[in-house]
Amino acid sequence: MKKVAVSIGDLNGIGIEIALKAHDKIKKWVNPIYCINEKMLKKAAKLLNIKIPEDFKIYEVPGDFEITPGKIDKKSGKYSFDSFISAINLAKEKKADAITTLPIHKESWAKAGINYKGHTEVLRDIFKKNAIMMLGCPKMYVALFTEHIPLKKVAENIKKEKLFEFLIDFYKSTGFENIGVLGLNPHAGDGGVLGDEEIKEILPAILEANETLQKNVFYGPLVPDIAFVKRKGIYIAMYHDQGLAPLKALYFDESINVSLNLPILRTSVDHGTAFDIAYKGIANTKSYENAIKFIKNSNF
């Protein structure tokens, strides 16, 4: 059974509730190691009025502060970061086979002086690899070519060589086939009338990737507004909302986040800290369960 290091996320959010509620189910699939100390775990469990399972194995992450449900707080932000780094170290030291992350709050990280926008950026920096962000569920996976950048900067980042490398790395990381690559512009540019990125950058990258792999793995550029009508498949989106708006509209509760092209496998829930429902006992555990299942069933 695989060992999974679980970073606990922002303790002012729903992550710890999800971990406690889902433990009895996920322990049948993997051996979880929760990156939190006993004092903070007891504080959270008391607020939630949830009994801590006897086999809830923890990896000590130093820290002590008052949990304030639903609040942005630098102490909680720092603790979530420290929990994540502890999970990474467990994986690097071969004490865990993979990592699953519960949600952090980007503003809490910023208040704590952490100069990263999220988990993926940390992984890129630590491993010096171009981590690929893929989200979805077995019905539909979407990988993001550009991620957390302003929309006005997307077009200038669509370059053939960068996209070609991304396509090859994505294929090598997953082994997936029949992968649709979305265009950037309305109607995929309409032959250059509405933009020429499809002609100059995206199609050449697709052709070169297929030629390099010696098989037709990628197809496109697809017209973005009709690419998802089948509600299934594997896609590469040119920017964040192009891929995630339809995915989350269809499969919000089921989707997970996977970091690919790294020496370790990391999965995550595909939702945020949900401060509005923190410590109310109503958090949905489905995405977390799917994130754990992905590791259980993965050969990556």
C-alpha atoms as a PDB file:
ATOM      1  CA  MET A   1       0.000   0.000   0.000  1.00  0.00           C
ATOM      2  CA  LYS A   2       1.415   3.408  -0.995  1.00  0.00           C
ATOM      3  CA  LYS A   3       2.368   5.980   1.617  1.00  0.00           C
ATOM      4  CA  VAL A   4       0.938   9.445   0.963  1.00  0.00           C
ATOM      5  CA  ALA A   5       2.150  12.599   2.709  1.00  0.00           C
ATOM      6  CA  VAL A   6      -0.851  14.902   3.207  1.00  0.00           C
ATOM      7  CA  SER A   7      -0.149  18.606   3.630  1.00  0.00           C
ATOM      8  CA  ILE A   8      -2.955  19.921   5.739  1.00  0.00           C
ATOM      9  CA  GLY A   9      -3.605  23.247   4.024  1.00  0.00           C
ATOM     10  CA  ASP A  10      -4.831  26.428   5.712  1.00  0.00           C
ATOM     11  CA  LEU A  11      -6.170  25.465   9.133  1.00  0.00           C
ATOM     12  CA  ASN A  12      -8.680  28.321   8.991  1.00  0.00           C
ATOM     13  CA  GLY A  13     -10.338  26.575   6.032  1.00  0.00           C
ATOM     14  CA  ILE A  14     -11.972  23.224   5.325  1.00  0.00           C
ATOM     15  CA  GLY A  15      -8.868  21.088   4.740  1.00  0.00           C
ATOM     16  CA  ILE A  16      -8.569  19.562   8.209  1.00  0.00           C
ATOM     17  CA  GLU A  17     -12.296  18.758   8.285  1.00  0.00           C
ATOM     18  CA  ILE A  18     -11.949  16.895   4.985  1.00  0.00           C
ATOM     19  CA  ALA A  19      -8.908  14.969   6.215  1.00  0.00           C
ATOM     20  CA  LEU A  20     -10.626  13.875   9.421  1.00  0.00           C
ATOM     21  CA  LYS A  21     -13.956  12.986   7.791  1.00  0.00           C
ATOM     22  CA  ALA A  22     -12.433  11.004   4.933  1.00  0.00           C
ATOM     23  CA  HIS A  23      -9.730   9.183   6.920  1.00  0.00           C
ATOM     24  CA  ASP A  24     -11.627   5.933   7.501  1.00  0.00           C
ATOM     25  CA  LYS A  25     -12.293   5.659   3.773  1.00  0.00           C
ATOM     26  CA  ILE A  26      -8.910   6.601   2.358  1.00  0.00           C
ATOM     27  CA  LYS A  27      -6.916   4.456   4.793  1.00  0.00           C
ATOM     28  CA  LYS A  28      -8.296   1.461   2.886  1.00  0.00           C
ATOM     29  CA  TRP A  29      -6.520   2.709  -0.261  1.00  0.00           C
ATOM     30  CA  VAL A  30      -3.256   4.229   1.027  1.00  0.00           C
ATOM     31  CA  ASN A  31      -1.285   4.835   4.209  1.00  0.00           C
ATOM     32  CA  PRO A  32      -1.732   8.576   4.880  1.00  0.00           C
ATOM     33  CA  ILE A  33       0.794  10.619   6.857  1.00  0.00           C
ATOM     34  CA  TYR A  34      -0.676  13.965   7.911  1.00  0.00           C
ATOM     35  CA  CYS A  35       1.748  16.880   8.179  1.00  0.00           C
ATOM     36  CA  ILE A  36       0.465  18.546  11.351  1.00  0.00           C
ATOM     37  CA  ASN A  37       1.409  18.489  15.007  1.00  0.00           C
ATOM     38  CA  GLU A  38      -0.711  17.029  17.788  1.00  0.00           C
ATOM     39  CA  LYS A  39      -1.518  20.363  19.423  1.00  0.00           C
ATOM     40  CA  MET A  40      -2.930  21.913  16.235  1.00  0.00           C
ATOM     41  CA  LEU A  41      -4.743  18.711  15.341  1.00  0.00           C
ATOM     42  CA  LYS A  42      -6.494  18.660  18.736  1.00  0.00           C
ATOM     43  CA  LYS A  43      -7.476  22.329  18.422  1.00  0.00           C
ATOM     44  CA  ALA A  44      -9.042  21.724  15.006  1.00  0.00           C
ATOM     45  CA  ALA A  45     -10.804  18.529  16.051  1.00  0.00           C
ATOM     46  CA  LYS A  46     -12.266  20.264  19.107  1.00  0.00           C
ATOM     47  CA  LEU A  47     -13.638  23.110  16.984  1.00  0.00           C
ATOM     48  CA  LEU A  48     -15.135  20.583  14.579  1.00  0.00           C
ATOM     49  CA  ASN A  49     -16.401  18.340  17.360  1.00  0.00           C
ATOM     50  CA  ILE A  50     -14.821  15.391  15.558  1.00  0.00           C
ATOM     51  CA  LYS A  51     -13.000  12.587  17.337  1.00  0.00           C
ATOM     52  CA  ILE A  52      -9.450  12.056  16.083  1.00  0.00           C
ATOM     53  CA  PRO A  53      -9.082   8.494  14.725  1.00  0.00           C
ATOM     54  CA  GLU A  54      -6.619   6.401  16.725  1.00  0.00           C
ATOM     55  CA  ASP A  55      -4.703   5.495  13.557  1.00  0.00           C
ATOM     56  CA  PHE A  56      -4.419   9.105  12.353  1.00  0.00           C
ATOM     57  CA  LYS A  57      -0.648   9.119  11.795  1.00  0.00           C
ATOM     58  CA  ILE A  58       1.003  12.528  11.947  1.00  0.00           C
ATOM     59  CA  TYR A  59       4.376  13.972  10.988  1.00  0.00           C
ATOM     60  CA  GLU A  60       5.302  16.732  13.402  1.00  0.00           C
ATOM     61  CA  VAL A  61       5.202  20.222  11.883  1.00  0.00           C
ATOM     62  CA  PRO A  62       6.170  22.823  14.515  1.00  0.00           C
ATOM     63  CA  GLY A  63       3.774  25.689  15.206  1.00  0.00           C
ATOM     64  CA  ASP A  64       1.133  26.894  17.651  1.00  0.00           C
ATOM     65  CA  PHE A  65      -1.526  29.543  17.001  1.00  0.00           C
ATOM     66  CA  GLU A  66      -5.237  30.062  17.482  1.00  0.00           C
ATOM     67  CA  ILE A  67      -7.424  28.782  14.667  1.00  0.00           C
ATOM     68  CA  THR A  68      -9.830  31.471  13.440  1.00  0.00           C
ATOM     69  CA  PRO A  69     -12.279  29.842  11.012  1.00  0.00           C
ATOM     70  CA  GLY A  70     -12.761  31.714   7.760  1.00  0.00           C
ATOM     71  CA  LYS A  71     -10.091  34.327   8.431  1.00  0.00           C
ATOM     72  CA  ILE A  72      -7.034  35.272   6.367  1.00  0.00           C
ATOM     73  CA  ASP A  73      -4.108  34.997   8.758  1.00  0.00           C
ATOM     74  CA  LYS A  74      -0.332  35.009   8.284  1.00  0.00           C
ATOM     75  CA  LYS A  75       0.273  32.391  10.985  1.00  0.00           C
ATOM     76  CA  SER A  76      -2.142  29.977   9.358  1.00  0.00           C
ATOM     77  CA  GLY A  77      -0.607  30.796   5.970  1.00  0.00           C
ATOM     78  CA  LYS A  78       2.909  30.039   7.190  1.00  0.00           C
ATOM     79  CA  TYR A  79       1.781  26.820   8.820  1.00  0.00           C
ATOM     80  CA  SER A  80       0.163  25.612   5.600  1.00  0.00           C
ATOM     81  CA  PHE A  81       3.415  26.355   3.762  1.00  0.00           C
ATOM     82  CA  ASP A  82       5.485  24.534   6.380  1.00  0.00           C
ATOM     83  CA  SER A  83       3.136  21.553   6.165  1.00  0.00           C
ATOM     84  CA  PHE A  84       3.612  21.458   2.386  1.00  0.00           C
ATOM     85  CA  ILE A  85       7.405  21.633   2.644  1.00  0.00           C
ATOM     86  CA  SER A  86       7.309  18.806   5.191  1.00  0.00           C
ATOM     87  CA  ALA A  87       5.279  16.680   2.768  1.00  0.00           C
ATOM     88  CA  ILE A  88       7.772  17.394  -0.021  1.00  0.00           C
ATOM     89  CA  ASN A  89      10.664  16.395   2.230  1.00  0.00           C
ATOM     90  CA  LEU A  90       8.955  13.127   3.139  1.00  0.00           C
ATOM     91  CA  ALA A  91       8.628  12.321  -0.567  1.00  0.00           C
ATOM     92  CA  LYS A  92      12.208  13.389  -1.343  1.00  0.00           C
ATOM     93  CA  GLU A  93      13.486  11.172   1.481  1.00  0.00           C
ATOM     94  CA  LYS A  94      11.448   8.230   0.124  1.00  0.00           C
ATOM     95  CA  LYS A  95       9.374   8.130   3.307  1.00  0.00           C
ATOM     96  CA  ALA A  96       6.273   8.786   1.183  1.00  0.00           C
ATOM     97  CA  ASP A  97       5.439   7.655  -2.334  1.00  0.00           C
ATOM     98  CA  ALA A  98       3.427  10.756  -3.239  1.00  0.00           C
ATOM     99  CA  ILE A  99       1.923  13.969  -1.896  1.00  0.00           C
ATOM    100  CA  THR A 100      -1.680  15.121  -1.625  1.00  0.00           C
ATOM    101  CA  THR A 101      -2.286  18.759  -0.755  1.00  0.00           C
ATOM    102  CA  LEU A 102      -5.311  20.278   0.926  1.00  0.00           C
ATOM    103  CA  PRO A 103      -6.164  23.892   0.016  1.00  0.00           C
ATOM    104  CA  ILE A 104      -4.032  26.874   0.951  1.00  0.00           C
ATOM    105  CA  HIS A 105      -5.036  30.531   0.770  1.00  0.00           C
ATOM    106  CA  LYS A 106      -2.811  32.623  -1.496  1.00  0.00           C
ATOM    107  CA  GLU A 107      -3.422  35.847   0.432  1.00  0.00           C
ATOM    108  CA  SER A 108      -2.480  34.161   3.702  1.00  0.00           C
ATOM    109  CA  TRP A 109       0.775  33.046   2.076  1.00  0.00           C
ATOM    110  CA  ALA A 110       1.401  36.609   0.935  1.00  0.00           C
ATOM    111  CA  LYS A 111       0.750  37.980   4.438  1.00  0.00           C
ATOM    112  CA  ALA A 112       3.253  35.445   5.771  1.00  0.00           C
ATOM    113  CA  GLY A 113       5.880  36.761   3.348  1.00  0.00           C
ATOM    114  CA  ILE A 114       5.842  33.644   1.173  1.00  0.00           C
ATOM    115  CA  ASN A 115       6.770  34.665  -2.356  1.00  0.00           C
ATOM    116  CA  TYR A 116       4.905  31.942  -4.210  1.00  0.00           C
ATOM    117  CA  LYS A 117       1.417  32.046  -5.704  1.00  0.00           C
ATOM    118  CA  GLY A 118       0.664  28.405  -5.011  1.00  0.00           C
ATOM    119  CA  HIS A 119       1.816  24.816  -4.682  1.00  0.00           C
ATOM    120  CA  THR A 120       2.885  24.354  -8.303  1.00  0.00           C
ATOM    121  CA  GLU A 121       5.283  27.289  -8.229  1.00  0.00           C
ATOM    122  CA  VAL A 122       6.967  25.865  -5.118  1.00  0.00           C
ATOM    123  CA  LEU A 123       7.393  22.479  -6.776  1.00  0.00           C
ATOM    124  CA  ARG A 124       8.923  24.087  -9.872  1.00  0.00           C
ATOM    125  CA  ASP A 125      11.425  25.999  -7.768  1.00  0.00           C
ATOM    126  CA  ILE A 126      12.437  23.084  -5.549  1.00  0.00           C
ATOM    127  CA  PHE A 127      12.841  20.517  -8.317  1.00  0.00           C
ATOM    128  CA  LYS A 128      13.965  22.915 -11.067  1.00  0.00           C
ATOM    129  CA  LYS A 129      11.495  21.258 -13.423  1.00  0.00           C
ATOM    130  CA  ASN A 130       8.651  22.701 -15.471  1.00  0.00           C
ATOM    131  CA  ALA A 131       5.770  21.214 -13.528  1.00  0.00           C
ATOM    132  CA  ILE A 132       2.582  20.792 -15.554  1.00  0.00           C
ATOM    133  CA  MET A 133      -0.781  21.567 -13.972  1.00  0.00           C
ATOM    134  CA  MET A 134      -3.497  19.108 -14.966  1.00  0.00           C
ATOM    135  CA  LEU A 135      -6.985  19.133 -13.513  1.00  0.00           C
ATOM    136  CA  GLY A 136     -10.009  16.926 -13.930  1.00  0.00           C
ATOM    137  CA  CYS A 137     -11.404  13.468 -13.328  1.00  0.00           C
ATOM    138  CA  PRO A 138     -11.448  10.225 -15.344  1.00  0.00           C
ATOM    139  CA  LYS A 139     -14.201  11.639 -17.564  1.00  0.00           C
ATOM    140  CA  MET A 140     -12.200  14.745 -18.498  1.00  0.00           C
ATOM    141  CA  TYR A 141      -8.680  16.018 -17.876  1.00  0.00           C
ATOM    142  CA  VAL A 142      -7.482  19.509 -18.780  1.00  0.00           C
ATOM    143  CA  ALA A 143      -3.831  20.603 -18.708  1.00  0.00           C
ATOM    144  CA  LEU A 144      -2.982  24.310 -18.651  1.00  0.00           C
ATOM    145  CA  PHE A 145      -0.281  25.660 -20.955  1.00  0.00           C
ATOM    146  CA  THR A 146      -0.301  29.039 -19.171  1.00  0.00           C
ATOM    147  CA  GLU A 147      -1.602  29.266 -15.623  1.00  0.00           C
ATOM    148  CA  HIS A 148      -1.632  32.159 -13.177  1.00  0.00           C
ATOM    149  CA  ILE A 149      -0.792  35.057 -15.459  1.00  0.00           C
ATOM    150  CA  PRO A 150      -2.936  38.051 -16.494  1.00  0.00           C
ATOM    151  CA  LEU A 151      -5.125  37.412 -19.518  1.00  0.00           C
ATOM    152  CA  LYS A 152      -3.463  40.285 -21.406  1.00  0.00           C
ATOM    153  CA  LYS A 153      -0.150  38.383 -21.283  1.00  0.00           C
ATOM    154  CA  VAL A 154      -1.415  35.053 -22.584  1.00  0.00           C
ATOM    155  CA  ALA A 155      -0.996  35.701 -26.323  1.00  0.00           C
ATOM    156  CA  GLU A 156       2.643  36.769 -26.002  1.00  0.00           C
ATOM    157  CA  ASN A 157       3.365  33.506 -24.150  1.00  0.00           C
ATOM    158  CA  ILE A 158       1.963  31.261 -26.894  1.00  0.00           C
ATOM    159  CA  LYS A 159       5.186  30.304 -28.680  1.00  0.00           C
ATOM    160  CA  LYS A 160       5.765  27.244 -30.824  1.00  0.00           C
ATOM    161  CA  GLU A 161       8.926  25.972 -29.105  1.00  0.00           C
ATOM    162  CA  LYS A 162       7.529  26.370 -25.602  1.00  0.00           C
ATOM    163  CA  LEU A 163       4.278  24.667 -26.596  1.00  0.00           C
ATOM    164  CA  PHE A 164       6.140  21.854 -28.367  1.00  0.00           C
ATOM    165  CA  GLU A 165       8.168  21.143 -25.212  1.00  0.00           C
ATOM    166  CA  PHE A 166       4.990  21.247 -23.128  1.00  0.00           C
ATOM    167  CA  LEU A 167       3.243  18.741 -25.402  1.00  0.00           C
ATOM    168  CA  ILE A 168       6.157  16.301 -25.291  1.00  0.00           C
ATOM    169  CA  ASP A 169       6.499  16.599 -21.506  1.00  0.00           C
ATOM    170  CA  PHE A 170       2.762  16.094 -21.052  1.00  0.00           C
ATOM    171  CA  TYR A 171       2.765  12.948 -23.159  1.00  0.00           C
ATOM    172  CA  LYS A 172       5.830  11.517 -21.408  1.00  0.00           C
ATOM    173  CA  SER A 173       4.301  12.271 -17.997  1.00  0.00           C
ATOM    174  CA  THR A 174       0.947  10.645 -18.677  1.00  0.00           C
ATOM    175  CA  GLY A 175       1.083   8.304 -21.651  1.00  0.00           C
ATOM    176  CA  PHE A 176      -2.299   9.717 -22.651  1.00  0.00           C
ATOM    177  CA  GLU A 177      -3.276   9.651 -26.324  1.00  0.00           C
ATOM    178  CA  ASN A 178      -5.895  11.421 -28.439  1.00  0.00           C
ATOM    179  CA  ILE A 179      -5.247  14.777 -26.788  1.00  0.00           C
ATOM    180  CA  GLY A 180      -7.089  17.856 -28.044  1.00  0.00           C
ATOM    181  CA  VAL A 181      -5.189  21.154 -28.145  1.00  0.00           C
ATOM    182  CA  LEU A 182      -7.367  24.248 -27.931  1.00  0.00           C
ATOM    183  CA  GLY A 183      -6.888  27.313 -30.067  1.00  0.00           C
ATOM    184  CA  LEU A 184      -6.401  30.698 -28.455  1.00  0.00           C
ATOM    185  CA  ASN A 185      -8.786  32.884 -30.410  1.00  0.00           C
ATOM    186  CA  PRO A 186     -12.541  32.784 -31.087  1.00  0.00           C
ATOM    187  CA  HIS A 187     -13.290  30.179 -33.768  1.00  0.00           C
ATOM    188  CA  ALA A 188      -9.613  29.112 -33.446  1.00  0.00           C
ATOM    189  CA  GLY A 189      -8.700  32.235 -35.399  1.00  0.00           C
ATOM    190  CA  ASP A 190     -10.957  31.609 -38.411  1.00  0.00           C
ATOM    191  CA  GLY A 191      -8.004  31.070 -40.708  1.00  0.00           C
ATOM    192  CA  GLY A 192      -6.158  34.088 -39.349  1.00  0.00           C
ATOM    193  CA  VAL A 193      -9.035  36.553 -39.537  1.00  0.00           C
ATOM    194  CA  LEU A 194      -9.483  36.632 -35.742  1.00  0.00           C
ATOM    195  CA  GLY A 195      -5.865  36.064 -34.794  1.00  0.00           C
ATOM    196  CA  ASP A 196      -2.928  34.100 -36.172  1.00  0.00           C
ATOM    197  CA  GLU A 197      -1.517  32.276 -33.129  1.00  0.00           C
ATOM    198  CA  GLU A 198      -3.176  29.068 -34.302  1.00  0.00           C
ATOM    199  CA  ILE A 199      -1.412  29.251 -37.674  1.00  0.00           C
ATOM    200  CA  LYS A 200       1.984  30.530 -36.529  1.00  0.00           C
ATOM    201  CA  GLU A 201       2.438  28.832 -33.162  1.00  0.00           C
ATOM    202  CA  ILE A 202      -0.137  26.213 -32.116  1.00  0.00           C
ATOM    203  CA  LEU A 203      -0.538  24.090 -35.257  1.00  0.00           C
ATOM    204  CA  PRO A 204       3.236  23.942 -35.930  1.00  0.00           C
ATOM    205  CA  ALA A 205       3.799  22.793 -32.328  1.00  0.00           C
ATOM    206  CA  ILE A 206       1.177  20.051 -32.730  1.00  0.00           C
ATOM    207  CA  LEU A 207       2.676  18.841 -36.008  1.00  0.00           C
ATOM    208  CA  GLU A 208       6.220  18.810 -34.641  1.00  0.00           C
ATOM    209  CA  ALA A 209       5.159  16.954 -31.481  1.00  0.00           C
ATOM    210  CA  ASN A 210       3.355  14.265 -33.476  1.00  0.00           C
ATOM    211  CA  GLU A 211       6.322  13.950 -35.824  1.00  0.00           C
ATOM    212  CA  THR A 212       8.708  13.615 -32.883  1.00  0.00           C
ATOM    213  CA  LEU A 213       6.514  10.955 -31.245  1.00  0.00           C
ATOM    214  CA  GLN A 214       5.974   9.285 -34.647  1.00  0.00           C
ATOM    215  CA  LYS A 215       2.251   9.020 -34.065  1.00  0.00           C
ATOM    216  CA  ASN A 216      -0.756  11.329 -33.980  1.00  0.00           C
ATOM    217  CA  VAL A 217      -1.129  11.922 -30.257  1.00  0.00           C
ATOM    218  CA  PHE A 218      -2.304  15.549 -30.469  1.00  0.00           C
ATOM    219  CA  TYR A 219      -5.028  17.085 -32.622  1.00  0.00           C
ATOM    220  CA  GLY A 220      -6.253  20.644 -33.124  1.00  0.00           C
ATOM    221  CA  PRO A 221      -6.226  23.574 -32.791  1.00  0.00           C
ATOM    222  CA  LEU A 222      -9.782  23.121 -31.554  1.00  0.00           C
ATOM    223  CA  VAL A 223     -12.434  25.821 -31.556  1.00  0.00           C
ATOM    224  CA  PRO A 224     -12.583  26.593 -27.821  1.00  0.00           C
ATOM    225  CA  ASP A 225     -16.318  27.201 -27.459  1.00  0.00           C
ATOM    226  CA  ILE A 226     -17.285  23.751 -28.764  1.00  0.00           C
ATOM    227  CA  ALA A 227     -14.299  21.675 -27.633  1.00  0.00           C
ATOM    228  CA  PHE A 228     -16.016  20.385 -24.499  1.00  0.00           C
ATOM    229  CA  VAL A 229     -19.464  19.502 -25.827  1.00  0.00           C
ATOM    230  CA  LYS A 230     -18.760  15.767 -25.538  1.00  0.00           C
ATOM    231  CA  ARG A 231     -18.156  16.263 -21.793  1.00  0.00           C
ATOM    232  CA  LYS A 232     -15.242  13.861 -21.910  1.00  0.00           C
ATOM    233  CA  GLY A 233     -11.699  13.633 -23.226  1.00  0.00           C
ATOM    234  CA  ILE A 234      -8.220  15.025 -22.599  1.00  0.00           C
ATOM    235  CA  TYR A 235      -7.445  18.631 -23.505  1.00  0.00           C
ATOM    236  CA  ILE A 236      -4.692  21.223 -23.339  1.00  0.00           C
ATOM    237  CA  ALA A 237      -5.974  24.752 -22.772  1.00  0.00           C
ATOM    238  CA  MET A 238      -4.016  27.858 -23.657  1.00  0.00           C
ATOM    239  CA  TYR A 239      -4.992  29.710 -20.493  1.00  0.00           C
ATOM    240  CA  HIS A 240      -6.498  29.176 -17.056  1.00  0.00           C
ATOM    241  CA  ASP A 241     -10.187  30.006 -17.423  1.00  0.00           C
ATOM    242  CA  GLN A 242     -10.433  28.620 -20.964  1.00  0.00           C
ATOM    243  CA  GLY A 243      -9.920  25.142 -19.560  1.00  0.00           C
ATOM    244  CA  LEU A 244     -11.145  25.378 -15.999  1.00  0.00           C
ATOM    245  CA  ALA A 245     -14.462  27.190 -16.512  1.00  0.00           C
ATOM    246  CA  PRO A 246     -15.992  24.311 -18.507  1.00  0.00           C
ATOM    247  CA  LEU A 247     -14.286  21.644 -16.393  1.00  0.00           C
ATOM    248  CA  LYS A 248     -15.583  23.025 -13.121  1.00  0.00           C
ATOM    249  CA  ALA A 249     -19.038  23.656 -14.552  1.00  0.00           C
ATOM    250  CA  LEU A 250     -19.233  19.968 -15.407  1.00  0.00           C
ATOM    251  CA  TYR A 251     -17.210  18.185 -12.724  1.00  0.00           C
ATOM    252  CA  PHE A 252     -16.497  20.568  -9.847  1.00  0.00           C
ATOM    253  CA  ASP A 253     -17.036  18.105  -6.988  1.00  0.00           C
ATOM    254  CA  GLU A 254     -15.159  15.270  -8.717  1.00  0.00           C
ATOM    255  CA  SER A 255     -12.110  17.040 -10.122  1.00  0.00           C
ATOM    256  CA  ILE A 256      -8.587  16.962  -8.746  1.00  0.00           C
ATOM    257  CA  ASN A 257      -5.353  18.803  -9.472  1.00  0.00           C
ATOM    258  CA  VAL A 258      -2.252  16.837 -10.511  1.00  0.00           C
ATOM    259  CA  SER A 259       1.311  18.153 -10.827  1.00  0.00           C
ATOM    260  CA  LEU A 260       3.103  16.325 -13.642  1.00  0.00           C
ATOM    261  CA  ASN A 261       6.641  16.288 -15.057  1.00  0.00           C
ATOM    262  CA  LEU A 262       8.248  16.097 -11.604  1.00  0.00           C
ATOM    263  CA  PRO A 263      10.321  13.437  -9.826  1.00  0.00           C
ATOM    264  CA  ILE A 264       7.441  13.048  -7.346  1.00  0.00           C
ATOM    265  CA  LEU A 265       3.682  12.747  -7.875  1.00  0.00           C
ATOM    266  CA  ARG A 266       1.508  15.393  -6.285  1.00  0.00           C
ATOM    267  CA  THR A 267      -2.271  15.490  -6.329  1.00  0.00           C
ATOM    268  CA  SER A 268      -4.602  18.017  -4.772  1.00  0.00           C
ATOM    269  CA  VAL A 269      -8.225  18.871  -4.294  1.00  0.00           C
ATOM    270  CA  ASP A 270      -9.602  21.083  -7.054  1.00  0.00           C
ATOM    271  CA  HIS A 271     -11.169  23.660  -4.751  1.00  0.00           C
ATOM    272  CA  GLY A 272     -10.130  26.352  -2.326  1.00  0.00           C
ATOM    273  CA  THR A 273     -10.238  26.876   1.413  1.00  0.00           C
ATOM    274  CA  ALA A 274     -14.003  27.593   1.372  1.00  0.00           C
ATOM    275  CA  PHE A 275     -13.711  29.991   4.305  1.00  0.00           C
ATOM    276  CA  ASP A 276     -17.462  30.606   4.178  1.00  0.00           C
ATOM    277  CA  ILE A 277     -18.189  27.046   5.367  1.00  0.00           C
ATOM    278  CA  ALA A 278     -15.078  26.427   7.477  1.00  0.00           C
ATOM    279  CA  TYR A 279     -15.757  24.399  10.650  1.00  0.00           C
ATOM    280  CA  LYS A 280     -19.461  24.055   9.861  1.00  0.00           C
ATOM    281  CA  GLY A 281     -19.173  20.306   9.254  1.00  0.00           C
ATOM    282  CA  ILE A 282     -20.534  20.411   5.689  1.00  0.00           C
ATOM    283  CA  ALA A 283     -17.379  20.220   3.554  1.00  0.00           C
ATOM    284  CA  ASN A 284     -17.522  17.764   0.634  1.00  0.00           C
ATOM    285  CA  THR A 285     -14.747  15.139   0.648  1.00  0.00           C
ATOM    286  CA  LYS A 286     -15.219  13.847  -2.929  1.00  0.00           C
ATOM    287  CA  SER A 287     -12.363  15.765  -4.559  1.00  0.00           C
ATOM    288  CA  TYR A 288      -9.964  14.725  -1.782  1.00  0.00           C
ATOM    289  CA  GLU A 289     -11.009  11.095  -2.117  1.00  0.00           C
ATOM    290  CA  ASN A 290     -10.427  11.253  -5.878  1.00  0.00           C
ATOM    291  CA  ALA A 291      -7.009  12.843  -5.334  1.00  0.00           C
ATOM    292  CA  ILE A 292      -6.040   9.893  -3.139  1.00  0.00           C
ATOM    293  CA  LYS A 293      -7.552   7.371  -5.561  1.00  0.00           C
ATOM    294  CA  PHE A 294      -5.489   8.848  -8.403  1.00  0.00           C
ATOM    295  CA  ILE A 295      -2.306   8.018  -6.471  1.00  0.00           C
ATOM    296  CA  LYS A 296      -3.592   4.572  -5.533  1.00  0.00           C
ATOM    297  CA  ASN A 297      -4.300   3.707  -9.182  1.00  0.00           C
ATOM    298  CA  SER A 298      -1.385   5.601 -10.722  1.00  0.00           C
ATOM    299  CA  ASN A 299       1.652   4.090 -12.406  1.00  0.00           C
ATOM    300  CA  PHE A 300       3.274   7.522 -12.803  1.00  0.00           C
END
